[in-house]
C-alpha atoms as a PDB file:
ATOM      1  CA  MET A   1      16.707 -22.108   5.548  1.00  0.00           C
ATOM      2  CA  ASN A   2      14.224 -24.344   3.716  1.00  0.00           C
ATOM      3  CA  SER A   3      10.994 -22.566   4.619  1.00  0.00           C
ATOM      4  CA  ILE A   4       9.978 -19.117   5.783  1.00  0.00           C
ATOM      5  CA  LYS A   5       6.743 -17.437   6.883  1.00  0.00           C
ATOM      6  CA  ILE A   6       6.380 -13.692   6.445  1.00  0.00           C
ATOM      7  CA  PHE A   7       4.013 -10.800   7.142  1.00  0.00           C
ATOM      8  CA  ALA A   8       3.599  -8.257   4.340  1.00  0.00           C
ATOM      9  CA  PRO A   9       1.882  -5.072   5.541  1.00  0.00           C
ATOM     10  CA  ALA A  10      -0.984  -3.304   3.846  1.00  0.00           C
ATOM     11  CA  THR A  11      -0.112   0.105   2.475  1.00  0.00           C
ATOM     12  CA  VAL A  12      -1.629   3.502   1.808  1.00  0.00           C
ATOM     13  CA  ALA A  13      -0.495   5.023  -1.483  1.00  0.00           C
ATOM     14  CA  ASN A  14      -0.728   8.547  -2.915  1.00  0.00           C
ATOM     15  CA  VAL A  15      -1.310  10.004   0.601  1.00  0.00           C
ATOM     16  CA  SER A  16      -3.378  12.823  -0.867  1.00  0.00           C
ATOM     17  CA  CYS A  17      -0.764  15.056  -2.508  1.00  0.00           C
ATOM     18  CA  GLY A  18       1.704  12.304  -3.492  1.00  0.00           C
ATOM     19  CA  PHE A  19      -0.079  10.718  -6.461  1.00  0.00           C
ATOM     20  CA  ASP A  20       1.907   7.636  -7.608  1.00  0.00           C
ATOM     21  CA  ALA A  21       4.917   8.931  -5.660  1.00  0.00           C
ATOM     22  CA  LEU A  22       4.197   8.574  -1.938  1.00  0.00           C
ATOM     23  CA  GLY A  23       3.157   5.694   0.295  1.00  0.00           C
ATOM     24  CA  PHE A  24       3.333   4.292   3.795  1.00  0.00           C
ATOM     25  CA  ALA A  25       2.838   0.910   5.432  1.00  0.00           C
ATOM     26  CA  ILE A  26       0.499   0.143   8.335  1.00  0.00           C
ATOM     27  CA  ASN A  27       0.748  -2.354  11.178  1.00  0.00           C
ATOM     28  CA  ALA A  28      -2.906  -3.287  11.551  1.00  0.00           C
ATOM     29  CA  VAL A  29      -3.398  -5.632   8.592  1.00  0.00           C
ATOM     30  CA  GLY A  30      -1.336  -7.468   5.989  1.00  0.00           C
ATOM     31  CA  ASP A  31      -0.907 -10.718   4.098  1.00  0.00           C
ATOM     32  CA  GLU A  32       0.846 -13.790   5.461  1.00  0.00           C
ATOM     33  CA  MET A  33       2.832 -16.030   3.121  1.00  0.00           C
ATOM     34  CA  ILE A  34       4.862 -19.216   3.404  1.00  0.00           C
ATOM     35  CA  PHE A  35       7.729 -19.987   1.026  1.00  0.00           C
ATOM     36  CA  THR A  36       9.247 -23.457   0.856  1.00  0.00           C
ATOM     37  CA  LYS A  37      12.152 -24.800  -1.177  1.00  0.00           C
ATOM     38  CA  THR A  38      11.218 -27.681  -3.502  1.00  0.00           C
ATOM     39  CA  VAL A  39      13.333 -30.303  -5.229  1.00  0.00           C
ATOM     40  CA  GLU A  40      11.659 -29.602  -8.545  1.00  0.00           C
ATOM     41  CA  LYS A  41      12.785 -26.308 -10.042  1.00  0.00           C
ATOM     42  CA  GLY A  42      10.287 -23.591 -10.851  1.00  0.00           C
ATOM     43  CA  VAL A  43       7.503 -21.918  -8.900  1.00  0.00           C
ATOM     44  CA  THR A  44       4.282 -23.471  -7.638  1.00  0.00           C
ATOM     45  CA  ILE A  45       1.357 -22.223  -5.557  1.00  0.00           C
ATOM     46  CA  SER A  46      -0.069 -24.869  -3.227  1.00  0.00           C
ATOM     47  CA  LYS A  47      -2.534 -22.819  -1.183  1.00  0.00           C
ATOM     48  CA  ILE A  48      -4.502 -19.583  -1.426  1.00  0.00           C
ATOM     49  CA  GLU A  49      -6.869 -18.514   1.334  1.00  0.00           C
ATOM     50  CA  GLY A  50      -8.845 -15.309   1.696  1.00  0.00           C
ATOM     51  CA  ALA A  51      -9.315 -14.459  -1.977  1.00  0.00           C
ATOM     52  CA  GLU A  52     -10.140 -16.090  -5.279  1.00  0.00           C
ATOM     53  CA  LEU A  53      -6.866 -15.776  -7.153  1.00  0.00           C
ATOM     54  CA  THR A  54      -5.284 -17.844  -9.895  1.00  0.00           C
ATOM     55  CA  TYR A  55      -3.014 -20.772  -9.068  1.00  0.00           C
ATOM     56  CA  ASP A  56      -1.309 -20.280 -12.457  1.00  0.00           C
ATOM     57  CA  SER A  57       2.218 -19.400 -11.389  1.00  0.00           C
ATOM     58  CA  ARG A  58       2.799 -17.403 -14.566  1.00  0.00           C
ATOM     59  CA  LYS A  59      -0.150 -15.108 -13.825  1.00  0.00           C
ATOM     60  CA  ASN A  60      -0.445 -14.749 -10.028  1.00  0.00           C
ATOM     61  CA  ALA A  61       1.248 -11.537  -8.823  1.00  0.00           C
ATOM     62  CA  ALA A  62       3.276 -13.281  -6.121  1.00  0.00           C
ATOM     63  CA  SER A  63       4.538 -16.112  -8.299  1.00  0.00           C
ATOM     64  CA  VAL A  64       5.329 -13.787 -11.211  1.00  0.00           C
ATOM     65  CA  VAL A  65       7.762 -12.047  -8.853  1.00  0.00           C
ATOM     66  CA  ALA A  66       9.190 -15.375  -7.711  1.00  0.00           C
ATOM     67  CA  TRP A  67       9.728 -16.551 -11.299  1.00  0.00           C
ATOM     68  CA  ALA A  68      11.627 -13.369 -12.180  1.00  0.00           C
ATOM     69  CA  MET A  69      13.884 -13.762  -9.167  1.00  0.00           C
ATOM     70  CA  ILE A  70      14.768 -17.409  -9.713  1.00  0.00           C
ATOM     71  CA  ASP A  71      15.308 -16.751 -13.410  1.00  0.00           C
ATOM     72  CA  GLU A  72      17.867 -14.150 -12.348  1.00  0.00           C
ATOM     73  CA  ALA A  73      19.477 -16.092  -9.495  1.00  0.00           C
ATOM     74  CA  LYS A  74      19.231 -19.593 -11.043  1.00  0.00           C
ATOM     75  CA  PRO A  75      19.139 -21.589  -7.773  1.00  0.00           C
ATOM     76  CA  ASP A  76      19.300 -25.393  -7.754  1.00  0.00           C
ATOM     77  CA  PHE A  77      15.845 -25.609  -6.177  1.00  0.00           C
ATOM     78  CA  GLY A  78      12.283 -24.489  -6.794  1.00  0.00           C
ATOM     79  CA  ILE A  79       9.893 -22.519  -4.587  1.00  0.00           C
ATOM     80  CA  ASP A  80       6.354 -23.244  -3.427  1.00  0.00           C
ATOM     81  CA  ILE A  81       4.123 -20.425  -2.207  1.00  0.00           C
ATOM     82  CA  GLN A  82       1.232 -20.477   0.232  1.00  0.00           C
ATOM     83  CA  LEU A  83      -0.746 -17.240   0.322  1.00  0.00           C
ATOM     84  CA  PHE A  84      -3.071 -16.160   3.121  1.00  0.00           C
ATOM     85  CA  LYS A  85      -4.776 -12.991   1.934  1.00  0.00           C
ATOM     86  CA  LYS A  86      -5.794 -10.583   4.660  1.00  0.00           C
ATOM     87  CA  VAL A  87      -5.797  -7.551   2.343  1.00  0.00           C
ATOM     88  CA  LYS A  88      -8.816  -7.801   0.057  1.00  0.00           C
ATOM     89  CA  PRO A  89      -8.218  -7.243  -3.679  1.00  0.00           C
ATOM     90  CA  GLY A  90      -9.650  -3.927  -4.862  1.00  0.00           C
ATOM     91  CA  SER A  91      -9.529  -2.464  -1.350  1.00  0.00           C
ATOM     92  CA  GLY A  92      -7.158   0.415  -2.015  1.00  0.00           C
ATOM     93  CA  LEU A  93      -4.803  -0.960   0.641  1.00  0.00           C
ATOM     94  CA  GLY A  94      -2.233  -2.422  -1.723  1.00  0.00           C
ATOM     95  CA  SER A  95      -3.536  -5.993  -1.893  1.00  0.00           C
ATOM     96  CA  SER A  96      -1.458  -7.032  -4.895  1.00  0.00           C
ATOM     97  CA  ALA A  97       1.463  -5.046  -3.486  1.00  0.00           C
ATOM     98  CA  SER A  98       1.379  -7.056  -0.251  1.00  0.00           C
ATOM     99  CA  SER A  99       1.596 -10.270  -2.270  1.00  0.00           C
ATOM    100  CA  SER A 100       4.261  -8.908  -4.596  1.00  0.00           C
ATOM    101  CA  ALA A 101       6.430  -7.340  -1.900  1.00  0.00           C
ATOM    102  CA  GLY A 102       6.008 -10.389   0.319  1.00  0.00           C
ATOM    103  CA  ALA A 103       7.124 -12.634  -2.517  1.00  0.00           C
ATOM    104  CA  ALA A 104      10.177 -10.490  -3.251  1.00  0.00           C
ATOM    105  CA  PHE A 105      11.218 -10.541   0.402  1.00  0.00           C
ATOM    106  CA  GLY A 106      10.487 -14.242   1.005  1.00  0.00           C
ATOM    107  CA  VAL A 107      12.183 -15.527  -2.105  1.00  0.00           C
ATOM    108  CA  ASN A 108      15.192 -13.304  -1.431  1.00  0.00           C
ATOM    109  CA  GLU A 109      15.545 -14.885   2.017  1.00  0.00           C
ATOM    110  CA  LEU A 110      15.515 -18.425   0.565  1.00  0.00           C
ATOM    111  CA  LEU A 111      18.071 -17.376  -2.046  1.00  0.00           C
ATOM    112  CA  GLY A 112      20.438 -16.113   0.671  1.00  0.00           C
ATOM    113  CA  LYS A 113      19.528 -12.400   0.337  1.00  0.00           C
ATOM    114  CA  PRO A 114      21.454 -11.551  -2.849  1.00  0.00           C
ATOM    115  CA  PHE A 115      19.209  -8.596  -3.757  1.00  0.00           C
ATOM    116  CA  THR A 116      18.946  -5.090  -2.276  1.00  0.00           C
ATOM    117  CA  ASN A 117      15.667  -3.461  -1.259  1.00  0.00           C
ATOM    118  CA  LEU A 118      15.751  -1.396  -4.444  1.00  0.00           C
ATOM    119  CA  GLU A 119      16.166  -4.537  -6.535  1.00  0.00           C
ATOM    120  CA  LEU A 120      13.368  -6.219  -4.581  1.00  0.00           C
ATOM    121  CA  THR A 121      11.147  -3.268  -5.403  1.00  0.00           C
ATOM    122  CA  GLU A 122      11.925  -3.689  -9.098  1.00  0.00           C
ATOM    123  CA  PHE A 123      10.953  -7.360  -8.898  1.00  0.00           C
ATOM    124  CA  ALA A 124       7.792  -6.546  -6.932  1.00  0.00           C
ATOM    125  CA  ARG A 125       6.739  -4.058  -9.613  1.00  0.00           C
ATOM    126  CA  LEU A 126       6.394  -7.016 -11.974  1.00  0.00           C
ATOM    127  CA  GLY A 127       3.703  -8.398  -9.695  1.00  0.00           C
ATOM    128  CA  GLU A 128       1.892  -5.071  -9.775  1.00  0.00           C
ATOM    129  CA  LYS A 129       2.017  -5.118 -13.570  1.00  0.00           C
ATOM    130  CA  ALA A 130       0.560  -8.631 -13.608  1.00  0.00           C
ATOM    131  CA  ALA A 131      -2.212  -7.634 -11.200  1.00  0.00           C
ATOM    132  CA  CYS A 132      -3.281  -4.229 -12.479  1.00  0.00           C
ATOM    133  CA  GLY A 133      -1.434  -3.644 -15.742  1.00  0.00           C
ATOM    134  CA  SER A 134       0.940  -0.981 -14.450  1.00  0.00           C
ATOM    135  CA  PRO A 135       4.328  -1.526 -12.722  1.00  0.00           C
ATOM    136  CA  ILE A 136       3.702   1.110 -10.054  1.00  0.00           C
ATOM    137  CA  ALA A 137       6.130   1.251  -7.145  1.00  0.00           C
ATOM    138  CA  ASP A 138       4.547   3.306  -4.357  1.00  0.00           C
ATOM    139  CA  ASN A 139       2.712   0.458  -2.609  1.00  0.00           C
ATOM    140  CA  VAL A 140       5.392  -2.209  -3.046  1.00  0.00           C
ATOM    141  CA  ALA A 141       8.193   0.105  -1.967  1.00  0.00           C
ATOM    142  CA  ALA A 142       6.264   1.074   1.181  1.00  0.00           C
ATOM    143  CA  ALA A 143       5.731  -2.614   1.999  1.00  0.00           C
ATOM    144  CA  ILE A 144       9.398  -3.509   1.417  1.00  0.00           C
ATOM    145  CA  TYR A 145      11.071  -0.506   3.051  1.00  0.00           C
ATOM    146  CA  GLY A 146       8.463   0.195   5.727  1.00  0.00           C
ATOM    147  CA  GLY A 147       7.494   3.642   6.974  1.00  0.00           C
ATOM    148  CA  PHE A 148       6.939   6.469   4.489  1.00  0.00           C
ATOM    149  CA  ILE A 149       8.596   6.278   1.095  1.00  0.00           C
ATOM    150  CA  LEU A 150       8.934   8.636  -1.861  1.00  0.00           C
ATOM    151  CA  VAL A 151       9.307   7.283  -5.382  1.00  0.00           C
ATOM    152  CA  LYS A 152      11.722   9.958  -6.561  1.00  0.00           C
ATOM    153  CA  SER A 153      11.886   8.581 -10.108  1.00  0.00           C
ATOM    154  CA  TYR A 154      11.016   5.521 -12.149  1.00  0.00           C
ATOM    155  CA  GLU A 155      13.764   5.642 -14.785  1.00  0.00           C
ATOM    156  CA  PRO A 156      15.979   4.851 -13.063  1.00  0.00           C
ATOM    157  CA  LEU A 157      13.983   3.709 -10.063  1.00  0.00           C
ATOM    158  CA  GLU A 158      14.900   5.744  -6.982  1.00  0.00           C
ATOM    159  CA  ILE A 159      13.260   5.240  -3.602  1.00  0.00           C
ATOM    160  CA  VAL A 160      13.743   7.669  -0.715  1.00  0.00           C
ATOM    161  CA  LYS A 161      12.771   6.478   2.770  1.00  0.00           C
ATOM    162  CA  LEU A 162      11.275   9.327   4.773  1.00  0.00           C
ATOM    163  CA  PRO A 163      11.160   9.802   8.552  1.00  0.00           C
ATOM    164  CA  VAL A 164       7.958   9.154  10.505  1.00  0.00           C
ATOM    165  CA  PRO A 165       7.024  11.398  13.443  1.00  0.00           C
ATOM    166  CA  LYS A 166       6.647   9.339  16.620  1.00  0.00           C
ATOM    167  CA  GLU A 167       3.049  10.374  17.330  1.00  0.00           C
ATOM    168  CA  LEU A 168       1.746   9.854  13.797  1.00  0.00           C
ATOM    169  CA  TRP A 169      -1.167   7.384  13.650  1.00  0.00           C
ATOM    170  CA  ALA A 170      -3.328   6.190  10.779  1.00  0.00           C
ATOM    171  CA  THR A 171      -7.023   5.368  10.707  1.00  0.00           C
ATOM    172  CA  VAL A 172      -8.361   3.522   7.673  1.00  0.00           C
ATOM    173  CA  ILE A 173     -11.912   2.549   6.824  1.00  0.00           C
ATOM    174  CA  HIS A 174     -12.469  -0.051   4.128  1.00  0.00           C
ATOM    175  CA  PRO A 175     -15.996  -0.114   2.721  1.00  0.00           C
ATOM    176  CA  GLN A 176     -16.641  -3.624   1.395  1.00  0.00           C
ATOM    177  CA  ILE A 177     -17.022  -2.577  -2.211  1.00  0.00           C
ATOM    178  CA  GLU A 178     -14.506  -2.979  -5.014  1.00  0.00           C
ATOM    179  CA  ILE A 179     -13.061  -0.230  -7.165  1.00  0.00           C
ATOM    180  CA  LYS A 180     -10.801  -1.417  -9.940  1.00  0.00           C
ATOM    181  CA  THR A 181      -7.553   0.496 -10.302  1.00  0.00           C
ATOM    182  CA  GLU A 182      -8.196   0.921 -14.031  1.00  0.00           C
ATOM    183  CA  ASP A 183     -11.594   2.538 -13.376  1.00  0.00           C
ATOM    184  CA  ALA A 184     -10.111   4.850 -10.750  1.00  0.00           C
ATOM    185  CA  ARG A 185      -7.357   5.917 -13.142  1.00  0.00           C
ATOM    186  CA  ASN A 186      -9.858   6.535 -15.924  1.00  0.00           C
ATOM    187  CA  ALA A 187     -11.821   8.822 -13.598  1.00  0.00           C
ATOM    188  CA  ILE A 188      -8.941  11.309 -13.433  1.00  0.00           C
ATOM    189  CA  HIS A 189      -8.714  14.031 -16.069  1.00  0.00           C
ATOM    190  CA  SER A 190      -5.813  13.554 -18.475  1.00  0.00           C
ATOM    191  CA  THR A 191      -4.708  17.189 -18.186  1.00  0.00           C
ATOM    192  CA  VAL A 192      -3.779  19.279 -15.147  1.00  0.00           C
ATOM    193  CA  THR A 193      -3.751  23.055 -14.963  1.00  0.00           C
ATOM    194  CA  VAL A 194      -0.517  24.829 -14.153  1.00  0.00           C
ATOM    195  CA  ALA A 195      -2.108  26.242 -10.997  1.00  0.00           C
ATOM    196  CA  ASN A 196      -3.067  22.772  -9.748  1.00  0.00           C
ATOM    197  CA  ALA A 197       0.338  21.333 -10.660  1.00  0.00           C
ATOM    198  CA  VAL A 198       2.024  24.046  -8.604  1.00  0.00           C
ATOM    199  CA  LYS A 199      -0.379  23.556  -5.691  1.00  0.00           C
ATOM    200  CA  GLN A 200       0.058  19.778  -5.684  1.00  0.00           C
ATOM    201  CA  SER A 201       3.852  19.929  -5.812  1.00  0.00           C
ATOM    202  CA  ALA A 202       3.905  22.529  -3.038  1.00  0.00           C
ATOM    203  CA  ASN A 203       1.699  20.316  -0.883  1.00  0.00           C
ATOM    204  CA  LEU A 204       3.967  17.321  -1.490  1.00  0.00           C
ATOM    205  CA  ALA A 205       7.013  19.381  -0.554  1.00  0.00           C
ATOM    206  CA  GLY A 206       5.214  20.653   2.543  1.00  0.00           C
ATOM    207  CA  LEU A 207       4.227  17.147   3.640  1.00  0.00           C
ATOM    208  CA  ILE A 208       7.767  15.831   3.269  1.00  0.00           C
ATOM    209  CA  SER A 209       9.124  18.849   5.144  1.00  0.00           C
ATOM    210  CA  GLY A 210       6.598  18.220   7.910  1.00  0.00           C
ATOM    211  CA  LEU A 211       7.682  14.587   8.211  1.00  0.00           C
ATOM    212  CA  TYR A 212      11.317  15.634   8.592  1.00  0.00           C
ATOM    213  CA  THR A 213      10.602  18.341  11.171  1.00  0.00           C
ATOM    214  CA  ASP A 214       7.774  16.666  13.141  1.00  0.00           C
ATOM    215  CA  ASP A 215       5.611  19.646  12.186  1.00  0.00           C
ATOM    216  CA  TYR A 216       2.109  18.225  12.504  1.00  0.00           C
ATOM    217  CA  GLU A 217       0.440  21.504  11.538  1.00  0.00           C
ATOM    218  CA  LEU A 218       2.436  21.620   8.313  1.00  0.00           C
ATOM    219  CA  ILE A 219       1.568  17.993   7.639  1.00  0.00           C
ATOM    220  CA  SER A 220      -2.090  18.873   8.139  1.00  0.00           C
ATOM    221  CA  ARG A 221      -1.990  21.869   5.801  1.00  0.00           C
ATOM    222  CA  SER A 222      -0.248  19.770   3.142  1.00  0.00           C
ATOM    223  CA  LEU A 223      -2.649  16.792   3.038  1.00  0.00           C
ATOM    224  CA  GLU A 224      -4.647  18.154   0.116  1.00  0.00           C
ATOM    225  CA  ASP A 225      -5.105  16.493  -3.271  1.00  0.00           C
ATOM    226  CA  VAL A 226      -6.244  18.685  -6.167  1.00  0.00           C
ATOM    227  CA  ILE A 227      -5.490  16.159  -8.933  1.00  0.00           C
ATOM    228  CA  ALA A 228      -7.105  12.787  -8.163  1.00  0.00           C
ATOM    229  CA  GLU A 229      -9.445  13.150  -5.182  1.00  0.00           C
ATOM    230  CA  PRO A 230     -11.942  15.580  -6.780  1.00  0.00           C
ATOM    231  CA  PHE A 231     -12.724  12.936  -9.412  1.00  0.00           C
ATOM    232  CA  ARG A 232     -12.164   9.674  -7.554  1.00  0.00           C
ATOM    233  CA  LYS A 233     -14.241  10.586  -4.504  1.00  0.00           C
ATOM    234  CA  LYS A 234     -17.391  10.182  -6.599  1.00  0.00           C
ATOM    235  CA  LEU A 235     -16.669   6.441  -6.723  1.00  0.00           C
ATOM    236  CA  ILE A 236     -16.683   6.142  -2.906  1.00  0.00           C
ATOM    237  CA  PRO A 237     -20.029   6.330  -1.064  1.00  0.00           C
ATOM    238  CA  HIS A 238     -20.182   8.979   1.686  1.00  0.00           C
ATOM    239  CA  PHE A 239     -16.601  10.155   1.117  1.00  0.00           C
ATOM    240  CA  ASP A 240     -17.355  13.831   1.769  1.00  0.00           C
ATOM    241  CA  ALA A 241     -19.165  13.017   5.027  1.00  0.00           C
ATOM    242  CA  ILE A 242     -16.294  10.798   6.186  1.00  0.00           C
ATOM    243  CA  LYS A 243     -13.779  13.532   5.435  1.00  0.00           C
ATOM    244  CA  THR A 244     -15.808  16.273   7.102  1.00  0.00           C
ATOM    245  CA  GLU A 245     -16.446  14.296  10.288  1.00  0.00           C
ATOM    246  CA  GLY A 246     -12.887  12.971  10.426  1.00  0.00           C
ATOM    247  CA  LEU A 247     -11.478  16.483  10.352  1.00  0.00           C
ATOM    248  CA  LYS A 248     -13.984  17.566  13.016  1.00  0.00           C
ATOM    249  CA  ALA A 249     -12.747  14.678  15.177  1.00  0.00           C
ATOM    250  CA  GLY A 250      -9.213  16.064  14.973  1.00  0.00           C
ATOM    251  CA  ALA A 251      -7.582  14.314  12.009  1.00  0.00           C
ATOM    252  CA  LEU A 252      -4.653  16.099  10.410  1.00  0.00           C
ATOM    253  CA  GLY A 253      -6.012  15.130   7.026  1.00  0.00           C
ATOM    254  CA  VAL A 254      -8.328  12.654   5.299  1.00  0.00           C
ATOM    255  CA  GLY A 255      -7.951  11.234   1.814  1.00  0.00           C
ATOM    256  CA  ILE A 256      -8.333   8.276  -0.508  1.00  0.00           C
ATOM    257  CA  SER A 257      -6.006   5.326  -0.017  1.00  0.00           C
ATOM    258  CA  GLY A 258      -4.608   4.288  -3.371  1.00  0.00           C
ATOM    259  CA  SER A 259      -7.429   4.059  -5.892  1.00  0.00           C
ATOM    260  CA  GLY A 260     -10.031   3.519  -3.160  1.00  0.00           C
ATOM    261  CA  PRO A 261     -12.510   2.660  -1.769  1.00  0.00           C
ATOM    262  CA  THR A 262     -10.477   2.720   1.462  1.00  0.00           C
ATOM    263  CA  ILE A 263     -10.284   6.143   3.089  1.00  0.00           C
ATOM    264  CA  PHE A 264      -7.348   7.011   5.334  1.00  0.00           C
ATOM    265  CA  ALA A 265      -6.789   9.655   7.970  1.00  0.00           C
ATOM    266  CA  LEU A 266      -3.585  10.720   9.688  1.00  0.00           C
ATOM    267  CA  SER A 267      -3.712  11.954  13.272  1.00  0.00           C
ATOM    268  CA  LYS A 268      -1.397  13.082  16.043  1.00  0.00           C
ATOM    269  CA  GLY A 269      -1.685  10.413  18.715  1.00  0.00           C
ATOM    270  CA  GLU A 270      -3.661   7.238  19.255  1.00  0.00           C
ATOM    271  CA  GLN A 271      -6.506   8.933  21.122  1.00  0.00           C
ATOM    272  CA  ILE A 272      -7.381  11.224  18.215  1.00  0.00           C
ATOM    273  CA  ALA A 273      -6.960   8.369  15.717  1.00  0.00           C
ATOM    274  CA  LYS A 274      -9.568   6.382  17.676  1.00  0.00           C
ATOM    275  CA  LYS A 275     -11.941   9.367  17.742  1.00  0.00           C
ATOM    276  CA  VAL A 276     -11.566   9.616  13.976  1.00  0.00           C
ATOM    277  CA  ALA A 277     -12.370   5.906  13.695  1.00  0.00           C
ATOM    278  CA  GLU A 278     -15.528   6.419  15.717  1.00  0.00           C
ATOM    279  CA  SER A 279     -16.596   9.306  13.488  1.00  0.00           C
ATOM    280  CA  MET A 280     -16.130   7.090  10.434  1.00  0.00           C
ATOM    281  CA  ARG A 281     -18.027   4.229  12.073  1.00  0.00           C
ATOM    282  CA  ASN A 282     -20.956   6.497  12.899  1.00  0.00           C
ATOM    283  CA  ILE A 283     -21.412   7.327   9.231  1.00  0.00           C
ATOM    284  CA  TYR A 284     -21.114   3.850   7.723  1.00  0.00           C
ATOM    285  CA  GLN A 285     -23.056   1.959  10.382  1.00  0.00           C
ATOM    286  CA  ASN A 286     -26.195   3.743   9.144  1.00  0.00           C
ATOM    287  CA  THR A 287     -25.730   2.408   5.618  1.00  0.00           C
ATOM    288  CA  THR A 288     -26.136  -1.023   4.022  1.00  0.00           C
ATOM    289  CA  ILE A 289     -22.408  -1.190   3.230  1.00  0.00           C
ATOM    290  CA  ASP A 290     -20.239  -3.500   5.323  1.00  0.00           C
ATOM    291  CA  PHE A 291     -16.899  -2.048   6.394  1.00  0.00           C
ATOM    292  CA  ASN A 292     -13.729  -2.629   8.367  1.00  0.00           C
ATOM    293  CA  ILE A 293     -11.860  -0.001  10.373  1.00  0.00           C
ATOM    294  CA  HIS A 294      -8.226  -0.201  11.460  1.00  0.00           C
ATOM    295  CA  VAL A 295      -6.340   2.143  13.779  1.00  0.00           C
ATOM    296  CA  SER A 296      -2.613   1.701  13.435  1.00  0.00           C
ATOM    297  CA  LYS A 297       0.796   3.215  13.903  1.00  0.00           C
ATOM    298  CA  VAL A 298       2.819   3.477  10.729  1.00  0.00           C
ATOM    299  CA  ASN A 299       4.677   0.198  10.108  1.00  0.00           C
ATOM    300  CA  LEU A 300       8.374   1.056  10.250  1.00  0.00           C
ATOM    301  CA  SER A 301       9.918  -2.304   9.326  1.00  0.00           C
ATOM    302  CA  GLY A 302       8.118  -3.414   6.160  1.00  0.00           C
ATOM    303  CA  VAL A 303       7.886  -7.119   5.361  1.00  0.00           C
ATOM    304  CA  THR A 304       9.019  -9.209   8.327  1.00  0.00           C
ATOM    305  CA  ILE A 305       9.620 -12.849   9.228  1.00  0.00           C
ATOM    306  CA  ILE A 306       7.055 -14.357  11.617  1.00  0.00           C
ATOM    307  CA  ASN A 307       6.833 -17.666  13.466  1.00  0.00           C
END
């Protein structure tokens, strides 16, 4: 194999109660990337479309991952990357994670697949650190493993893949504004009360239990964030209206995707997910803010090879 083209799905992280620990991938949108072996060793970037990102292979999230992998594997060839960004940076849909996870997967394929998914996640975290300053794993793990994932621990890194109920659908609305991850993190209070810590952990446990038992009502009751959302929602125009109308339309829960501004909803069935999308559209179409809406099943396969 001398060249490979891949699809790296967008992801929703935190999922309300799972701050920095929970994420899932979606089918509707994701980056496309092409990796090609080169005679000259090292990593190059020959094309970037869809975003203004650096071509410096020591600074771009995707190529940082590639460098780490070839430094470890020491192949007798180099790798060129072409990046077609479909996930906008600052969207809250894991833009840098799509690039990082896609790079980990693509380079691993060209190397002959010497690394496990857990090792690929470790490499992909380096891209996240290059992009946003923190080697978070929730988005990249969701993109690599597919489906729902839990970051059980960081030291050592432990990823648990969770089941996905068959009728679970996601609706995401992406207002075309940018919220930097650093600003979203700074918006959260540095201390958490014991009562909120207990409530958040109980909600996370309830959500995971609901995923395992296909208990949609339990999933719905568990999709509550008392740590990040109360502070971050102020950065997202019309968040409260979107959440209120989404729940009225039948969503199991509505929350902030990653650090925002994207808002996600989970629903039982495609029909309700589309009603939720319409409720979101009705709110934003009366504003001056451009937006995109995606209705999607949860992506179960993660990064995949495409023709």
